[in-house]
Each structure stands twice: as C-alpha cells, then as structure tokens.
Amino acid sequence: MNMDKELIYKMIEPVVQSAGCFLVDVEVSSDNDVVITVESCESSVEMDDCVKISDAFGEMFDREKEDYSLTVTSAGLDQPFRILRQYEKAVGSVVEVKTKDGRKLCGTLLSADGDGFVLEYKAKELLPGHRRKTEVNKEEHFAYGSVNSVVPHLEFE
C-alpha cells in the first residue's frame, strides 16, 4: 500500500520548519520511494537539516511496516520554482523565465503573490522618432499559468 502524501506533508512540515526550512514538495512513487524536497528560509539547506528531517521521518513511519525508501533533498538551483514561498524568497534576485509563448527572459523578480509575479527586464524596442531599437527597462506581470519555468539565474565568472 502506498504511503499517503498528504499525511506525510502534515506530519513532516513542523520538523522542516524547526530546521529553518520550508517544504517545497513531497513525492511518493508507486514503490513507496518518498522524496521530500525542502528549501532554507534564509540561506541554503545544510546536510544536518536533511539528517534531522530524515531521522524524524524514521521515527514517524516504521520502515518495516511501510516498506519505503526516503530521500530528503534541497530544491536545486537549476530546478524551477514550484511554490509561492520560493518566489517570495527570490524577490530582488535575478531569475530566468521561460514563457508558454516561447519567450526567454532574464530579469529581477520584483514581487510575487497568489496571482503571479512581476519581472523587471531589459528589452530592445523601436521607440517613436528613433531608427534603431533602443534598450528599455520593462516591468511585466506574469500569471503562474503563463510560464513554463522560473529558475534562479546563475552567473559564472
């Protein structure tokens, strides 16, 4: 019998919060492979945080009875945001947005709420009275349903 995703979420969330993190996702496969994805409220997830969450899970669920495997992981920098809290944490930072209409934008996440998010980015536009396109700052609101992915922008120096 598969483990109940909602029950896991409800039981493990207080432990995740006590570790200074928030729950991004709980996945349960048909083979009871459980993956708990967390993100730090402040900085980055530490190995000790994952161990604490894993140990608590082991105390809550009997591995022999439930026959599960467990992975506790942090939301990777290359993984798209899944929940509002990730967007809120990223406000003020540079993100990459892929829209459903095929645009790829890189800009600063200005705000996020339950309806969507606002991105400030640079675009080239033909302004009245100009012969060439000029780079302008744009601010655009995106509904979550209008984008394929939003990920942190990584710069390598």
N, C-alpha and C. Protein backbone atom coordinates (compact mmCIF):
# COMPACT_ATOMS: atom_id res chain seq x y z
N MET A 1 0.83 -1.18 0.00
CA MET A 1 0.00 0.00 0.00
C MET A 1 0.88 1.25 0.00
N ASN A 2 0.51 2.21 -0.83
CA ASN A 2 1.29 3.45 -0.92
C ASN A 2 1.10 4.32 0.31
N MET A 3 2.17 5.01 0.65
CA MET A 3 2.10 5.97 1.75
C MET A 3 1.28 7.17 1.30
N ASP A 4 0.63 7.82 2.24
CA ASP A 4 -0.25 8.95 1.96
C ASP A 4 0.56 10.25 1.93
N LYS A 5 0.62 10.86 0.76
CA LYS A 5 1.39 12.09 0.56
C LYS A 5 0.93 13.21 1.49
N GLU A 6 -0.39 13.39 1.63
CA GLU A 6 -0.92 14.46 2.47
C GLU A 6 -0.56 14.22 3.94
N LEU A 7 -0.62 12.96 4.39
CA LEU A 7 -0.26 12.64 5.77
C LEU A 7 1.21 12.93 6.03
N ILE A 8 2.07 12.55 5.07
CA ILE A 8 3.50 12.83 5.20
C ILE A 8 3.71 14.34 5.31
N TYR A 9 3.08 15.08 4.42
CA TYR A 9 3.22 16.53 4.41
C TYR A 9 2.83 17.12 5.77
N LYS A 10 1.68 16.70 6.26
CA LYS A 10 1.15 17.22 7.53
C LYS A 10 2.08 16.89 8.70
N MET A 11 2.61 15.67 8.72
CA MET A 11 3.43 15.25 9.84
C MET A 11 4.85 15.80 9.80
N ILE A 12 5.41 15.95 8.60
CA ILE A 12 6.82 16.34 8.50
C ILE A 12 6.99 17.85 8.45
N GLU A 13 5.96 18.60 8.09
CA GLU A 13 6.10 20.05 7.96
C GLU A 13 6.60 20.74 9.23
N PRO A 14 6.11 20.41 10.43
CA PRO A 14 6.64 21.06 11.63
C PRO A 14 8.14 20.79 11.84
N VAL A 15 8.60 19.60 11.48
CA VAL A 15 10.02 19.26 11.61
C VAL A 15 10.84 20.09 10.62
N VAL A 16 10.33 20.21 9.40
CA VAL A 16 11.01 21.01 8.37
C VAL A 16 11.12 22.46 8.84
N GLN A 17 10.05 22.99 9.40
CA GLN A 17 10.05 24.37 9.88
C GLN A 17 11.04 24.55 11.03
N SER A 18 11.11 23.56 11.92
CA SER A 18 12.03 23.67 13.06
C SER A 18 13.49 23.62 12.61
N ALA A 19 13.73 23.11 11.41
CA ALA A 19 15.08 23.08 10.84
C ALA A 19 15.41 24.38 10.11
N GLY A 20 14.48 25.35 10.14
CA GLY A 20 14.71 26.62 9.46
C GLY A 20 14.47 26.53 7.96
N CYS A 21 13.63 25.58 7.56
CA CYS A 21 13.36 25.36 6.14
C CYS A 21 11.85 25.41 5.89
N PHE A 22 11.48 25.31 4.62
CA PHE A 22 10.08 25.13 4.26
C PHE A 22 9.97 24.02 3.24
N LEU A 23 8.81 23.39 3.23
CA LEU A 23 8.56 22.23 2.38
C LEU A 23 8.20 22.69 0.99
N VAL A 24 8.92 22.18 0.00
CA VAL A 24 8.64 22.51 -1.39
C VAL A 24 7.74 21.45 -2.00
N ASP A 25 8.04 20.17 -1.73
CA ASP A 25 7.26 19.09 -2.35
C ASP A 25 7.48 17.79 -1.59
N VAL A 26 6.49 16.93 -1.68
CA VAL A 26 6.58 15.55 -1.22
C VAL A 26 6.12 14.68 -2.38
N GLU A 27 6.97 13.76 -2.79
CA GLU A 27 6.62 12.83 -3.86
C GLU A 27 6.64 11.42 -3.31
N VAL A 28 5.65 10.61 -3.70
CA VAL A 28 5.60 9.21 -3.31
C VAL A 28 5.35 8.39 -4.57
N SER A 29 6.30 7.52 -4.92
CA SER A 29 6.15 6.69 -6.11
C SER A 29 5.28 5.47 -5.79
N SER A 30 4.95 4.72 -6.80
CA SER A 30 4.14 3.51 -6.61
C SER A 30 4.89 2.46 -5.80
N ASP A 31 6.22 2.57 -5.72
CA ASP A 31 7.05 1.65 -4.93
C ASP A 31 7.36 2.19 -3.53
N ASN A 32 6.66 3.26 -3.13
CA ASN A 32 6.89 3.91 -1.84
C ASN A 32 8.28 4.52 -1.72
N ASP A 33 8.81 5.01 -2.83
CA ASP A 33 10.03 5.82 -2.79
C ASP A 33 9.57 7.24 -2.47
N VAL A 34 9.92 7.71 -1.28
CA VAL A 34 9.48 9.02 -0.81
C VAL A 34 10.61 10.02 -1.02
N VAL A 35 10.30 11.15 -1.67
CA VAL A 35 11.26 12.23 -1.85
C VAL A 35 10.66 13.49 -1.23
N ILE A 36 11.36 14.01 -0.23
CA ILE A 36 10.95 15.24 0.43
C ILE A 36 11.91 16.33 -0.01
N THR A 37 11.37 17.37 -0.64
CA THR A 37 12.18 18.48 -1.13
C THR A 37 11.93 19.69 -0.24
N VAL A 38 13.03 20.27 0.27
CA VAL A 38 12.94 21.41 1.17
C VAL A 38 13.83 22.54 0.67
N GLU A 39 13.57 23.73 1.19
CA GLU A 39 14.42 24.88 0.90
C GLU A 39 14.59 25.67 2.19
N SER A 40 15.76 26.23 2.37
CA SER A 40 16.05 27.00 3.57
C SER A 40 15.30 28.33 3.53
N CYS A 41 14.82 28.75 4.68
CA CYS A 41 14.13 30.04 4.76
C CYS A 41 15.09 31.20 4.55
N GLU A 42 16.34 31.03 4.95
CA GLU A 42 17.31 32.12 4.91
C GLU A 42 18.39 31.95 3.85
N SER A 43 19.15 30.88 3.94
CA SER A 43 20.31 30.73 3.05
C SER A 43 20.18 29.44 2.25
N SER A 44 21.01 28.45 2.57
CA SER A 44 20.96 27.18 1.86
C SER A 44 20.72 26.05 2.85
N VAL A 45 20.21 24.94 2.34
CA VAL A 45 19.92 23.78 3.16
C VAL A 45 21.25 23.10 3.51
N GLU A 46 21.42 22.80 4.78
CA GLU A 46 22.63 22.12 5.26
C GLU A 46 22.36 20.62 5.36
N MET A 47 23.42 19.83 5.30
CA MET A 47 23.29 18.38 5.42
C MET A 47 22.63 18.02 6.75
N ASP A 48 22.97 18.75 7.82
CA ASP A 48 22.37 18.48 9.13
C ASP A 48 20.85 18.65 9.11
N ASP A 49 20.36 19.60 8.31
CA ASP A 49 18.92 19.80 8.19
C ASP A 49 18.27 18.56 7.58
N CYS A 50 18.87 18.03 6.53
CA CYS A 50 18.33 16.84 5.86
C CYS A 50 18.36 15.63 6.80
N VAL A 51 19.43 15.49 7.56
CA VAL A 51 19.55 14.38 8.51
C VAL A 51 18.47 14.49 9.58
N LYS A 52 18.26 15.69 10.09
CA LYS A 52 17.24 15.91 11.12
C LYS A 52 15.86 15.52 10.60
N ILE A 53 15.56 15.93 9.39
CA ILE A 53 14.26 15.63 8.79
C ILE A 53 14.13 14.13 8.53
N SER A 54 15.19 13.52 8.03
CA SER A 54 15.19 12.08 7.77
C SER A 54 15.00 11.28 9.05
N ASP A 55 15.72 11.65 10.11
CA ASP A 55 15.59 10.96 11.40
C ASP A 55 14.17 11.08 11.95
N ALA A 56 13.60 12.26 11.86
CA ALA A 56 12.23 12.48 12.35
C ALA A 56 11.24 11.64 11.56
N PHE A 57 11.44 11.57 10.25
CA PHE A 57 10.56 10.77 9.40
C PHE A 57 10.62 9.30 9.83
N GLY A 58 11.84 8.82 10.09
CA GLY A 58 12.02 7.44 10.54
C GLY A 58 11.33 7.14 11.85
N GLU A 59 11.23 8.14 12.72
CA GLU A 59 10.52 7.97 13.98
C GLU A 59 9.00 7.97 13.78
N MET A 60 8.54 8.66 12.74
CA MET A 60 7.10 8.77 12.48
C MET A 60 6.55 7.57 11.72
N PHE A 61 7.36 7.03 10.83
CA PHE A 61 6.90 5.95 9.95
C PHE A 61 7.83 4.75 10.09
N ASP A 62 7.25 3.58 10.34
CA ASP A 62 8.00 2.35 10.52
C ASP A 62 8.42 1.82 9.14
N ARG A 63 9.71 1.80 8.89
CA ARG A 63 10.23 1.36 7.60
C ARG A 63 9.83 -0.09 7.29
N GLU A 64 9.81 -0.94 8.31
CA GLU A 64 9.43 -2.35 8.11
C GLU A 64 7.96 -2.47 7.72
N LYS A 65 7.12 -1.71 8.37
CA LYS A 65 5.68 -1.78 8.12
C LYS A 65 5.31 -1.11 6.79
N GLU A 66 5.87 0.06 6.56
CA GLU A 66 5.52 0.85 5.37
C GLU A 66 6.32 0.44 4.13
N ASP A 67 7.49 -0.17 4.34
CA ASP A 67 8.37 -0.60 3.24
C ASP A 67 8.64 0.55 2.26
N TYR A 68 9.32 1.58 2.76
CA TYR A 68 9.60 2.76 1.95
C TYR A 68 11.11 3.00 1.87
N SER A 69 11.48 3.80 0.87
CA SER A 69 12.83 4.38 0.84
C SER A 69 12.63 5.88 0.93
N LEU A 70 13.60 6.57 1.51
CA LEU A 70 13.45 8.00 1.75
C LEU A 70 14.64 8.78 1.24
N THR A 71 14.34 9.88 0.56
CA THR A 71 15.35 10.84 0.15
C THR A 71 14.88 12.22 0.61
N VAL A 72 15.73 12.91 1.35
CA VAL A 72 15.46 14.29 1.73
C VAL A 72 16.48 15.13 0.98
N THR A 73 16.00 16.08 0.20
CA THR A 73 16.88 16.85 -0.67
C THR A 73 16.49 18.32 -0.66
N SER A 74 17.43 19.14 -1.08
CA SER A 74 17.13 20.57 -1.22
C SER A 74 16.66 20.84 -2.64
N ALA A 75 15.87 21.89 -2.79
CA ALA A 75 15.44 22.31 -4.12
C ALA A 75 16.68 22.82 -4.85
N GLY A 76 17.05 22.20 -5.93
CA GLY A 76 18.27 22.55 -6.65
C GLY A 76 18.20 23.91 -7.30
N LEU A 77 19.34 24.52 -7.48
CA LEU A 77 19.40 25.84 -8.12
C LEU A 77 18.93 25.80 -9.56
N ASP A 78 19.01 24.63 -10.17
CA ASP A 78 18.60 24.51 -11.57
C ASP A 78 17.14 24.05 -11.70
N GLN A 79 16.47 23.86 -10.58
CA GLN A 79 15.08 23.39 -10.60
C GLN A 79 14.11 24.57 -10.61
N PRO A 80 13.05 24.46 -11.41
CA PRO A 80 12.05 25.54 -11.45
C PRO A 80 11.36 25.71 -10.09
N PHE A 81 10.97 26.95 -9.81
CA PHE A 81 10.19 27.22 -8.62
C PHE A 81 8.87 26.45 -8.72
N ARG A 82 8.42 25.91 -7.59
CA ARG A 82 7.17 25.15 -7.56
C ARG A 82 6.10 25.80 -6.71
N ILE A 83 6.53 26.53 -5.68
CA ILE A 83 5.54 27.10 -4.75
C ILE A 83 5.80 28.59 -4.56
N LEU A 84 4.76 29.29 -4.09
CA LEU A 84 4.83 30.73 -3.89
C LEU A 84 5.98 31.13 -2.98
N ARG A 85 6.24 30.36 -1.95
CA ARG A 85 7.29 30.72 -1.00
C ARG A 85 8.66 30.82 -1.67
N GLN A 86 8.91 30.01 -2.70
CA GLN A 86 10.18 30.10 -3.43
C GLN A 86 10.26 31.43 -4.19
N TYR A 87 9.15 31.84 -4.78
CA TYR A 87 9.11 33.13 -5.47
C TYR A 87 9.35 34.26 -4.48
N GLU A 88 8.67 34.19 -3.33
CA GLU A 88 8.82 35.24 -2.32
C GLU A 88 10.26 35.33 -1.83
N LYS A 89 10.90 34.21 -1.64
CA LYS A 89 12.30 34.20 -1.18
C LYS A 89 13.21 34.84 -2.24
N ALA A 90 12.86 34.67 -3.51
CA ALA A 90 13.71 35.14 -4.60
C ALA A 90 13.46 36.61 -4.99
N VAL A 91 12.50 37.27 -4.36
CA VAL A 91 12.22 38.67 -4.70
C VAL A 91 13.51 39.48 -4.51
N GLY A 92 13.84 40.28 -5.53
CA GLY A 92 15.06 41.09 -5.50
C GLY A 92 16.23 40.42 -6.19
N SER A 93 16.10 39.15 -6.54
CA SER A 93 17.20 38.46 -7.21
C SER A 93 16.89 38.28 -8.70
N VAL A 94 17.91 37.90 -9.45
CA VAL A 94 17.78 37.72 -10.89
C VAL A 94 17.32 36.29 -11.18
N VAL A 95 16.30 36.17 -12.03
CA VAL A 95 15.75 34.87 -12.40
C VAL A 95 15.63 34.77 -13.92
N GLU A 96 15.52 33.54 -14.38
CA GLU A 96 15.27 33.27 -15.80
C GLU A 96 13.86 32.75 -15.95
N VAL A 97 13.11 33.33 -16.88
CA VAL A 97 11.71 32.97 -17.08
C VAL A 97 11.54 32.45 -18.50
N LYS A 98 10.90 31.30 -18.63
CA LYS A 98 10.51 30.77 -19.94
C LYS A 98 8.99 30.79 -19.99
N THR A 99 8.46 31.56 -20.93
CA THR A 99 7.01 31.72 -21.02
C THR A 99 6.43 30.66 -21.95
N LYS A 100 5.14 30.45 -21.83
CA LYS A 100 4.46 29.47 -22.67
C LYS A 100 4.39 29.92 -24.12
N ASP A 101 4.56 31.23 -24.37
CA ASP A 101 4.55 31.72 -25.75
C ASP A 101 5.95 31.74 -26.37
N GLY A 102 6.92 31.10 -25.68
CA GLY A 102 8.25 30.91 -26.26
C GLY A 102 9.30 31.95 -25.91
N ARG A 103 8.96 32.94 -25.12
CA ARG A 103 9.96 33.94 -24.75
C ARG A 103 10.86 33.42 -23.63
N LYS A 104 12.12 33.85 -23.67
CA LYS A 104 13.07 33.57 -22.60
C LYS A 104 13.57 34.91 -22.09
N LEU A 105 13.29 35.19 -20.83
CA LEU A 105 13.62 36.48 -20.24
C LEU A 105 14.51 36.29 -19.03
N CYS A 106 15.37 37.26 -18.80
CA CYS A 106 16.22 37.26 -17.62
C CYS A 106 16.06 38.64 -16.99
N GLY A 107 15.69 38.65 -15.71
CA GLY A 107 15.47 39.94 -15.07
C GLY A 107 15.34 39.79 -13.57
N THR A 108 15.01 40.89 -12.93
CA THR A 108 14.87 40.92 -11.47
C THR A 108 13.42 40.66 -11.08
N LEU A 109 13.24 39.72 -10.18
CA LEU A 109 11.92 39.42 -9.65
C LEU A 109 11.56 40.52 -8.65
N LEU A 110 10.56 41.33 -8.99
CA LEU A 110 10.21 42.48 -8.15
C LEU A 110 9.21 42.13 -7.05
N SER A 111 8.28 41.24 -7.36
CA SER A 111 7.27 40.86 -6.37
C SER A 111 6.61 39.56 -6.79
N ALA A 112 5.92 38.92 -5.82
CA ALA A 112 5.19 37.70 -6.10
C ALA A 112 4.03 37.60 -5.10
N ASP A 113 2.90 37.13 -5.59
CA ASP A 113 1.75 36.89 -4.73
C ASP A 113 0.96 35.72 -5.30
N GLY A 114 -0.21 35.49 -4.78
CA GLY A 114 -1.01 34.35 -5.21
C GLY A 114 -1.45 34.39 -6.66
N ASP A 115 -1.43 35.59 -7.27
CA ASP A 115 -1.88 35.74 -8.66
C ASP A 115 -0.76 35.60 -9.69
N GLY A 116 0.47 35.83 -9.27
CA GLY A 116 1.59 35.78 -10.20
C GLY A 116 2.77 36.56 -9.67
N PHE A 117 3.62 37.00 -10.58
CA PHE A 117 4.83 37.71 -10.18
C PHE A 117 5.12 38.83 -11.17
N VAL A 118 5.95 39.78 -10.74
CA VAL A 118 6.35 40.91 -11.59
C VAL A 118 7.84 40.80 -11.84
N LEU A 119 8.21 40.89 -13.11
CA LEU A 119 9.60 40.80 -13.54
C LEU A 119 10.01 42.12 -14.19
N GLU A 120 11.20 42.62 -13.82
CA GLU A 120 11.78 43.78 -14.48
C GLU A 120 12.92 43.25 -15.34
N TYR A 121 12.90 43.59 -16.63
CA TYR A 121 13.92 43.11 -17.54
C TYR A 121 14.19 44.14 -18.62
N LYS A 122 15.28 43.95 -19.35
CA LYS A 122 15.65 44.85 -20.44
C LYS A 122 15.18 44.24 -21.76
N ALA A 123 14.67 45.11 -22.63
CA ALA A 123 14.22 44.67 -23.95
C ALA A 123 14.58 45.76 -24.96
N LYS A 124 14.75 45.35 -26.19
CA LYS A 124 15.01 46.32 -27.26
C LYS A 124 13.70 46.60 -27.99
N GLU A 125 13.38 47.89 -28.08
CA GLU A 125 12.15 48.31 -28.73
C GLU A 125 12.43 49.48 -29.67
N LEU A 126 11.63 49.57 -30.71
CA LEU A 126 11.72 50.70 -31.62
C LEU A 126 10.85 51.82 -31.05
N LEU A 127 11.51 52.84 -30.57
CA LEU A 127 10.79 53.96 -29.97
C LEU A 127 10.44 54.99 -31.04
N PRO A 128 9.33 55.72 -30.83
CA PRO A 128 8.93 56.75 -31.80
C PRO A 128 10.07 57.77 -32.01
N GLY A 129 10.35 58.06 -33.25
CA GLY A 129 11.38 59.03 -33.58
C GLY A 129 12.78 58.45 -33.65
N HIS A 130 12.93 57.16 -33.41
CA HIS A 130 14.24 56.50 -33.49
C HIS A 130 14.28 55.55 -34.68
N ARG A 131 15.46 55.41 -35.27
CA ARG A 131 15.62 54.50 -36.40
C ARG A 131 16.03 53.10 -35.96
N ARG A 132 16.66 53.04 -34.81
CA ARG A 132 17.13 51.74 -34.30
C ARG A 132 16.42 51.41 -32.99
N LYS A 133 16.41 50.14 -32.71
CA LYS A 133 15.83 49.71 -31.44
C LYS A 133 16.71 50.19 -30.30
N THR A 134 16.06 50.58 -29.24
CA THR A 134 16.73 51.08 -28.05
C THR A 134 16.42 50.16 -26.88
N GLU A 135 17.43 49.96 -26.05
CA GLU A 135 17.22 49.11 -24.87
C GLU A 135 16.42 49.91 -23.83
N VAL A 136 15.33 49.30 -23.37
CA VAL A 136 14.46 49.93 -22.37
C VAL A 136 14.22 48.96 -21.22
N ASN A 137 13.94 49.52 -20.05
CA ASN A 137 13.55 48.69 -18.92
C ASN A 137 12.05 48.44 -19.01
N LYS A 138 11.67 47.18 -18.81
CA LYS A 138 10.25 46.83 -18.84
C LYS A 138 9.89 46.15 -17.54
N GLU A 139 8.67 46.34 -17.14
CA GLU A 139 8.10 45.65 -15.97
C GLU A 139 6.87 44.93 -16.47
N GLU A 140 6.81 43.62 -16.19
CA GLU A 140 5.67 42.86 -16.69
C GLU A 140 5.18 41.90 -15.62
N HIS A 141 3.86 41.81 -15.50
CA HIS A 141 3.23 40.86 -14.58
C HIS A 141 2.97 39.56 -15.33
N PHE A 142 3.31 38.45 -14.71
CA PHE A 142 3.07 37.13 -15.28
C PHE A 142 2.18 36.33 -14.36
N ALA A 143 1.15 35.74 -14.89
CA ALA A 143 0.37 34.76 -14.14
C ALA A 143 1.18 33.46 -14.15
N TYR A 144 1.09 32.69 -13.08
CA TYR A 144 1.87 31.46 -12.99
C TYR A 144 1.55 30.51 -14.15
N GLY A 145 0.31 30.51 -14.59
CA GLY A 145 -0.09 29.64 -15.69
C GLY A 145 0.46 30.05 -17.05
N SER A 146 1.05 31.24 -17.14
CA SER A 146 1.56 31.72 -18.43
C SER A 146 3.04 31.41 -18.63
N VAL A 147 3.66 30.77 -17.62
CA VAL A 147 5.09 30.46 -17.74
C VAL A 147 5.33 28.95 -17.63
N ASN A 148 6.35 28.51 -18.34
CA ASN A 148 6.77 27.11 -18.24
C ASN A 148 7.68 26.90 -17.04
N SER A 149 8.58 27.88 -16.80
CA SER A 149 9.50 27.72 -15.68
C SER A 149 10.08 29.06 -15.26
N VAL A 150 10.45 29.12 -13.98
CA VAL A 150 11.19 30.25 -13.43
C VAL A 150 12.29 29.61 -12.56
N VAL A 151 13.55 29.95 -12.86
CA VAL A 151 14.68 29.41 -12.11
C VAL A 151 15.62 30.54 -11.74
N PRO A 152 16.40 30.35 -10.67
CA PRO A 152 17.40 31.37 -10.35
C PRO A 152 18.40 31.49 -11.50
N HIS A 153 18.85 32.71 -11.75
CA HIS A 153 19.87 32.94 -12.78
C HIS A 153 21.24 32.74 -12.16
N LEU A 154 22.03 31.89 -12.76
CA LEU A 154 23.38 31.61 -12.26
C LEU A 154 24.39 32.27 -13.17
N GLU A 155 25.30 33.02 -12.58
CA GLU A 155 26.38 33.64 -13.35
C GLU A 155 27.70 33.01 -12.92
N PHE A 156 28.48 32.63 -13.91
CA PHE A 156 29.79 32.05 -13.64
C PHE A 156 30.85 33.04 -14.08
N GLU A 157 31.77 33.31 -13.18
CA GLU A 157 32.81 34.30 -13.50
C GLU A 157 34.12 33.61 -13.77
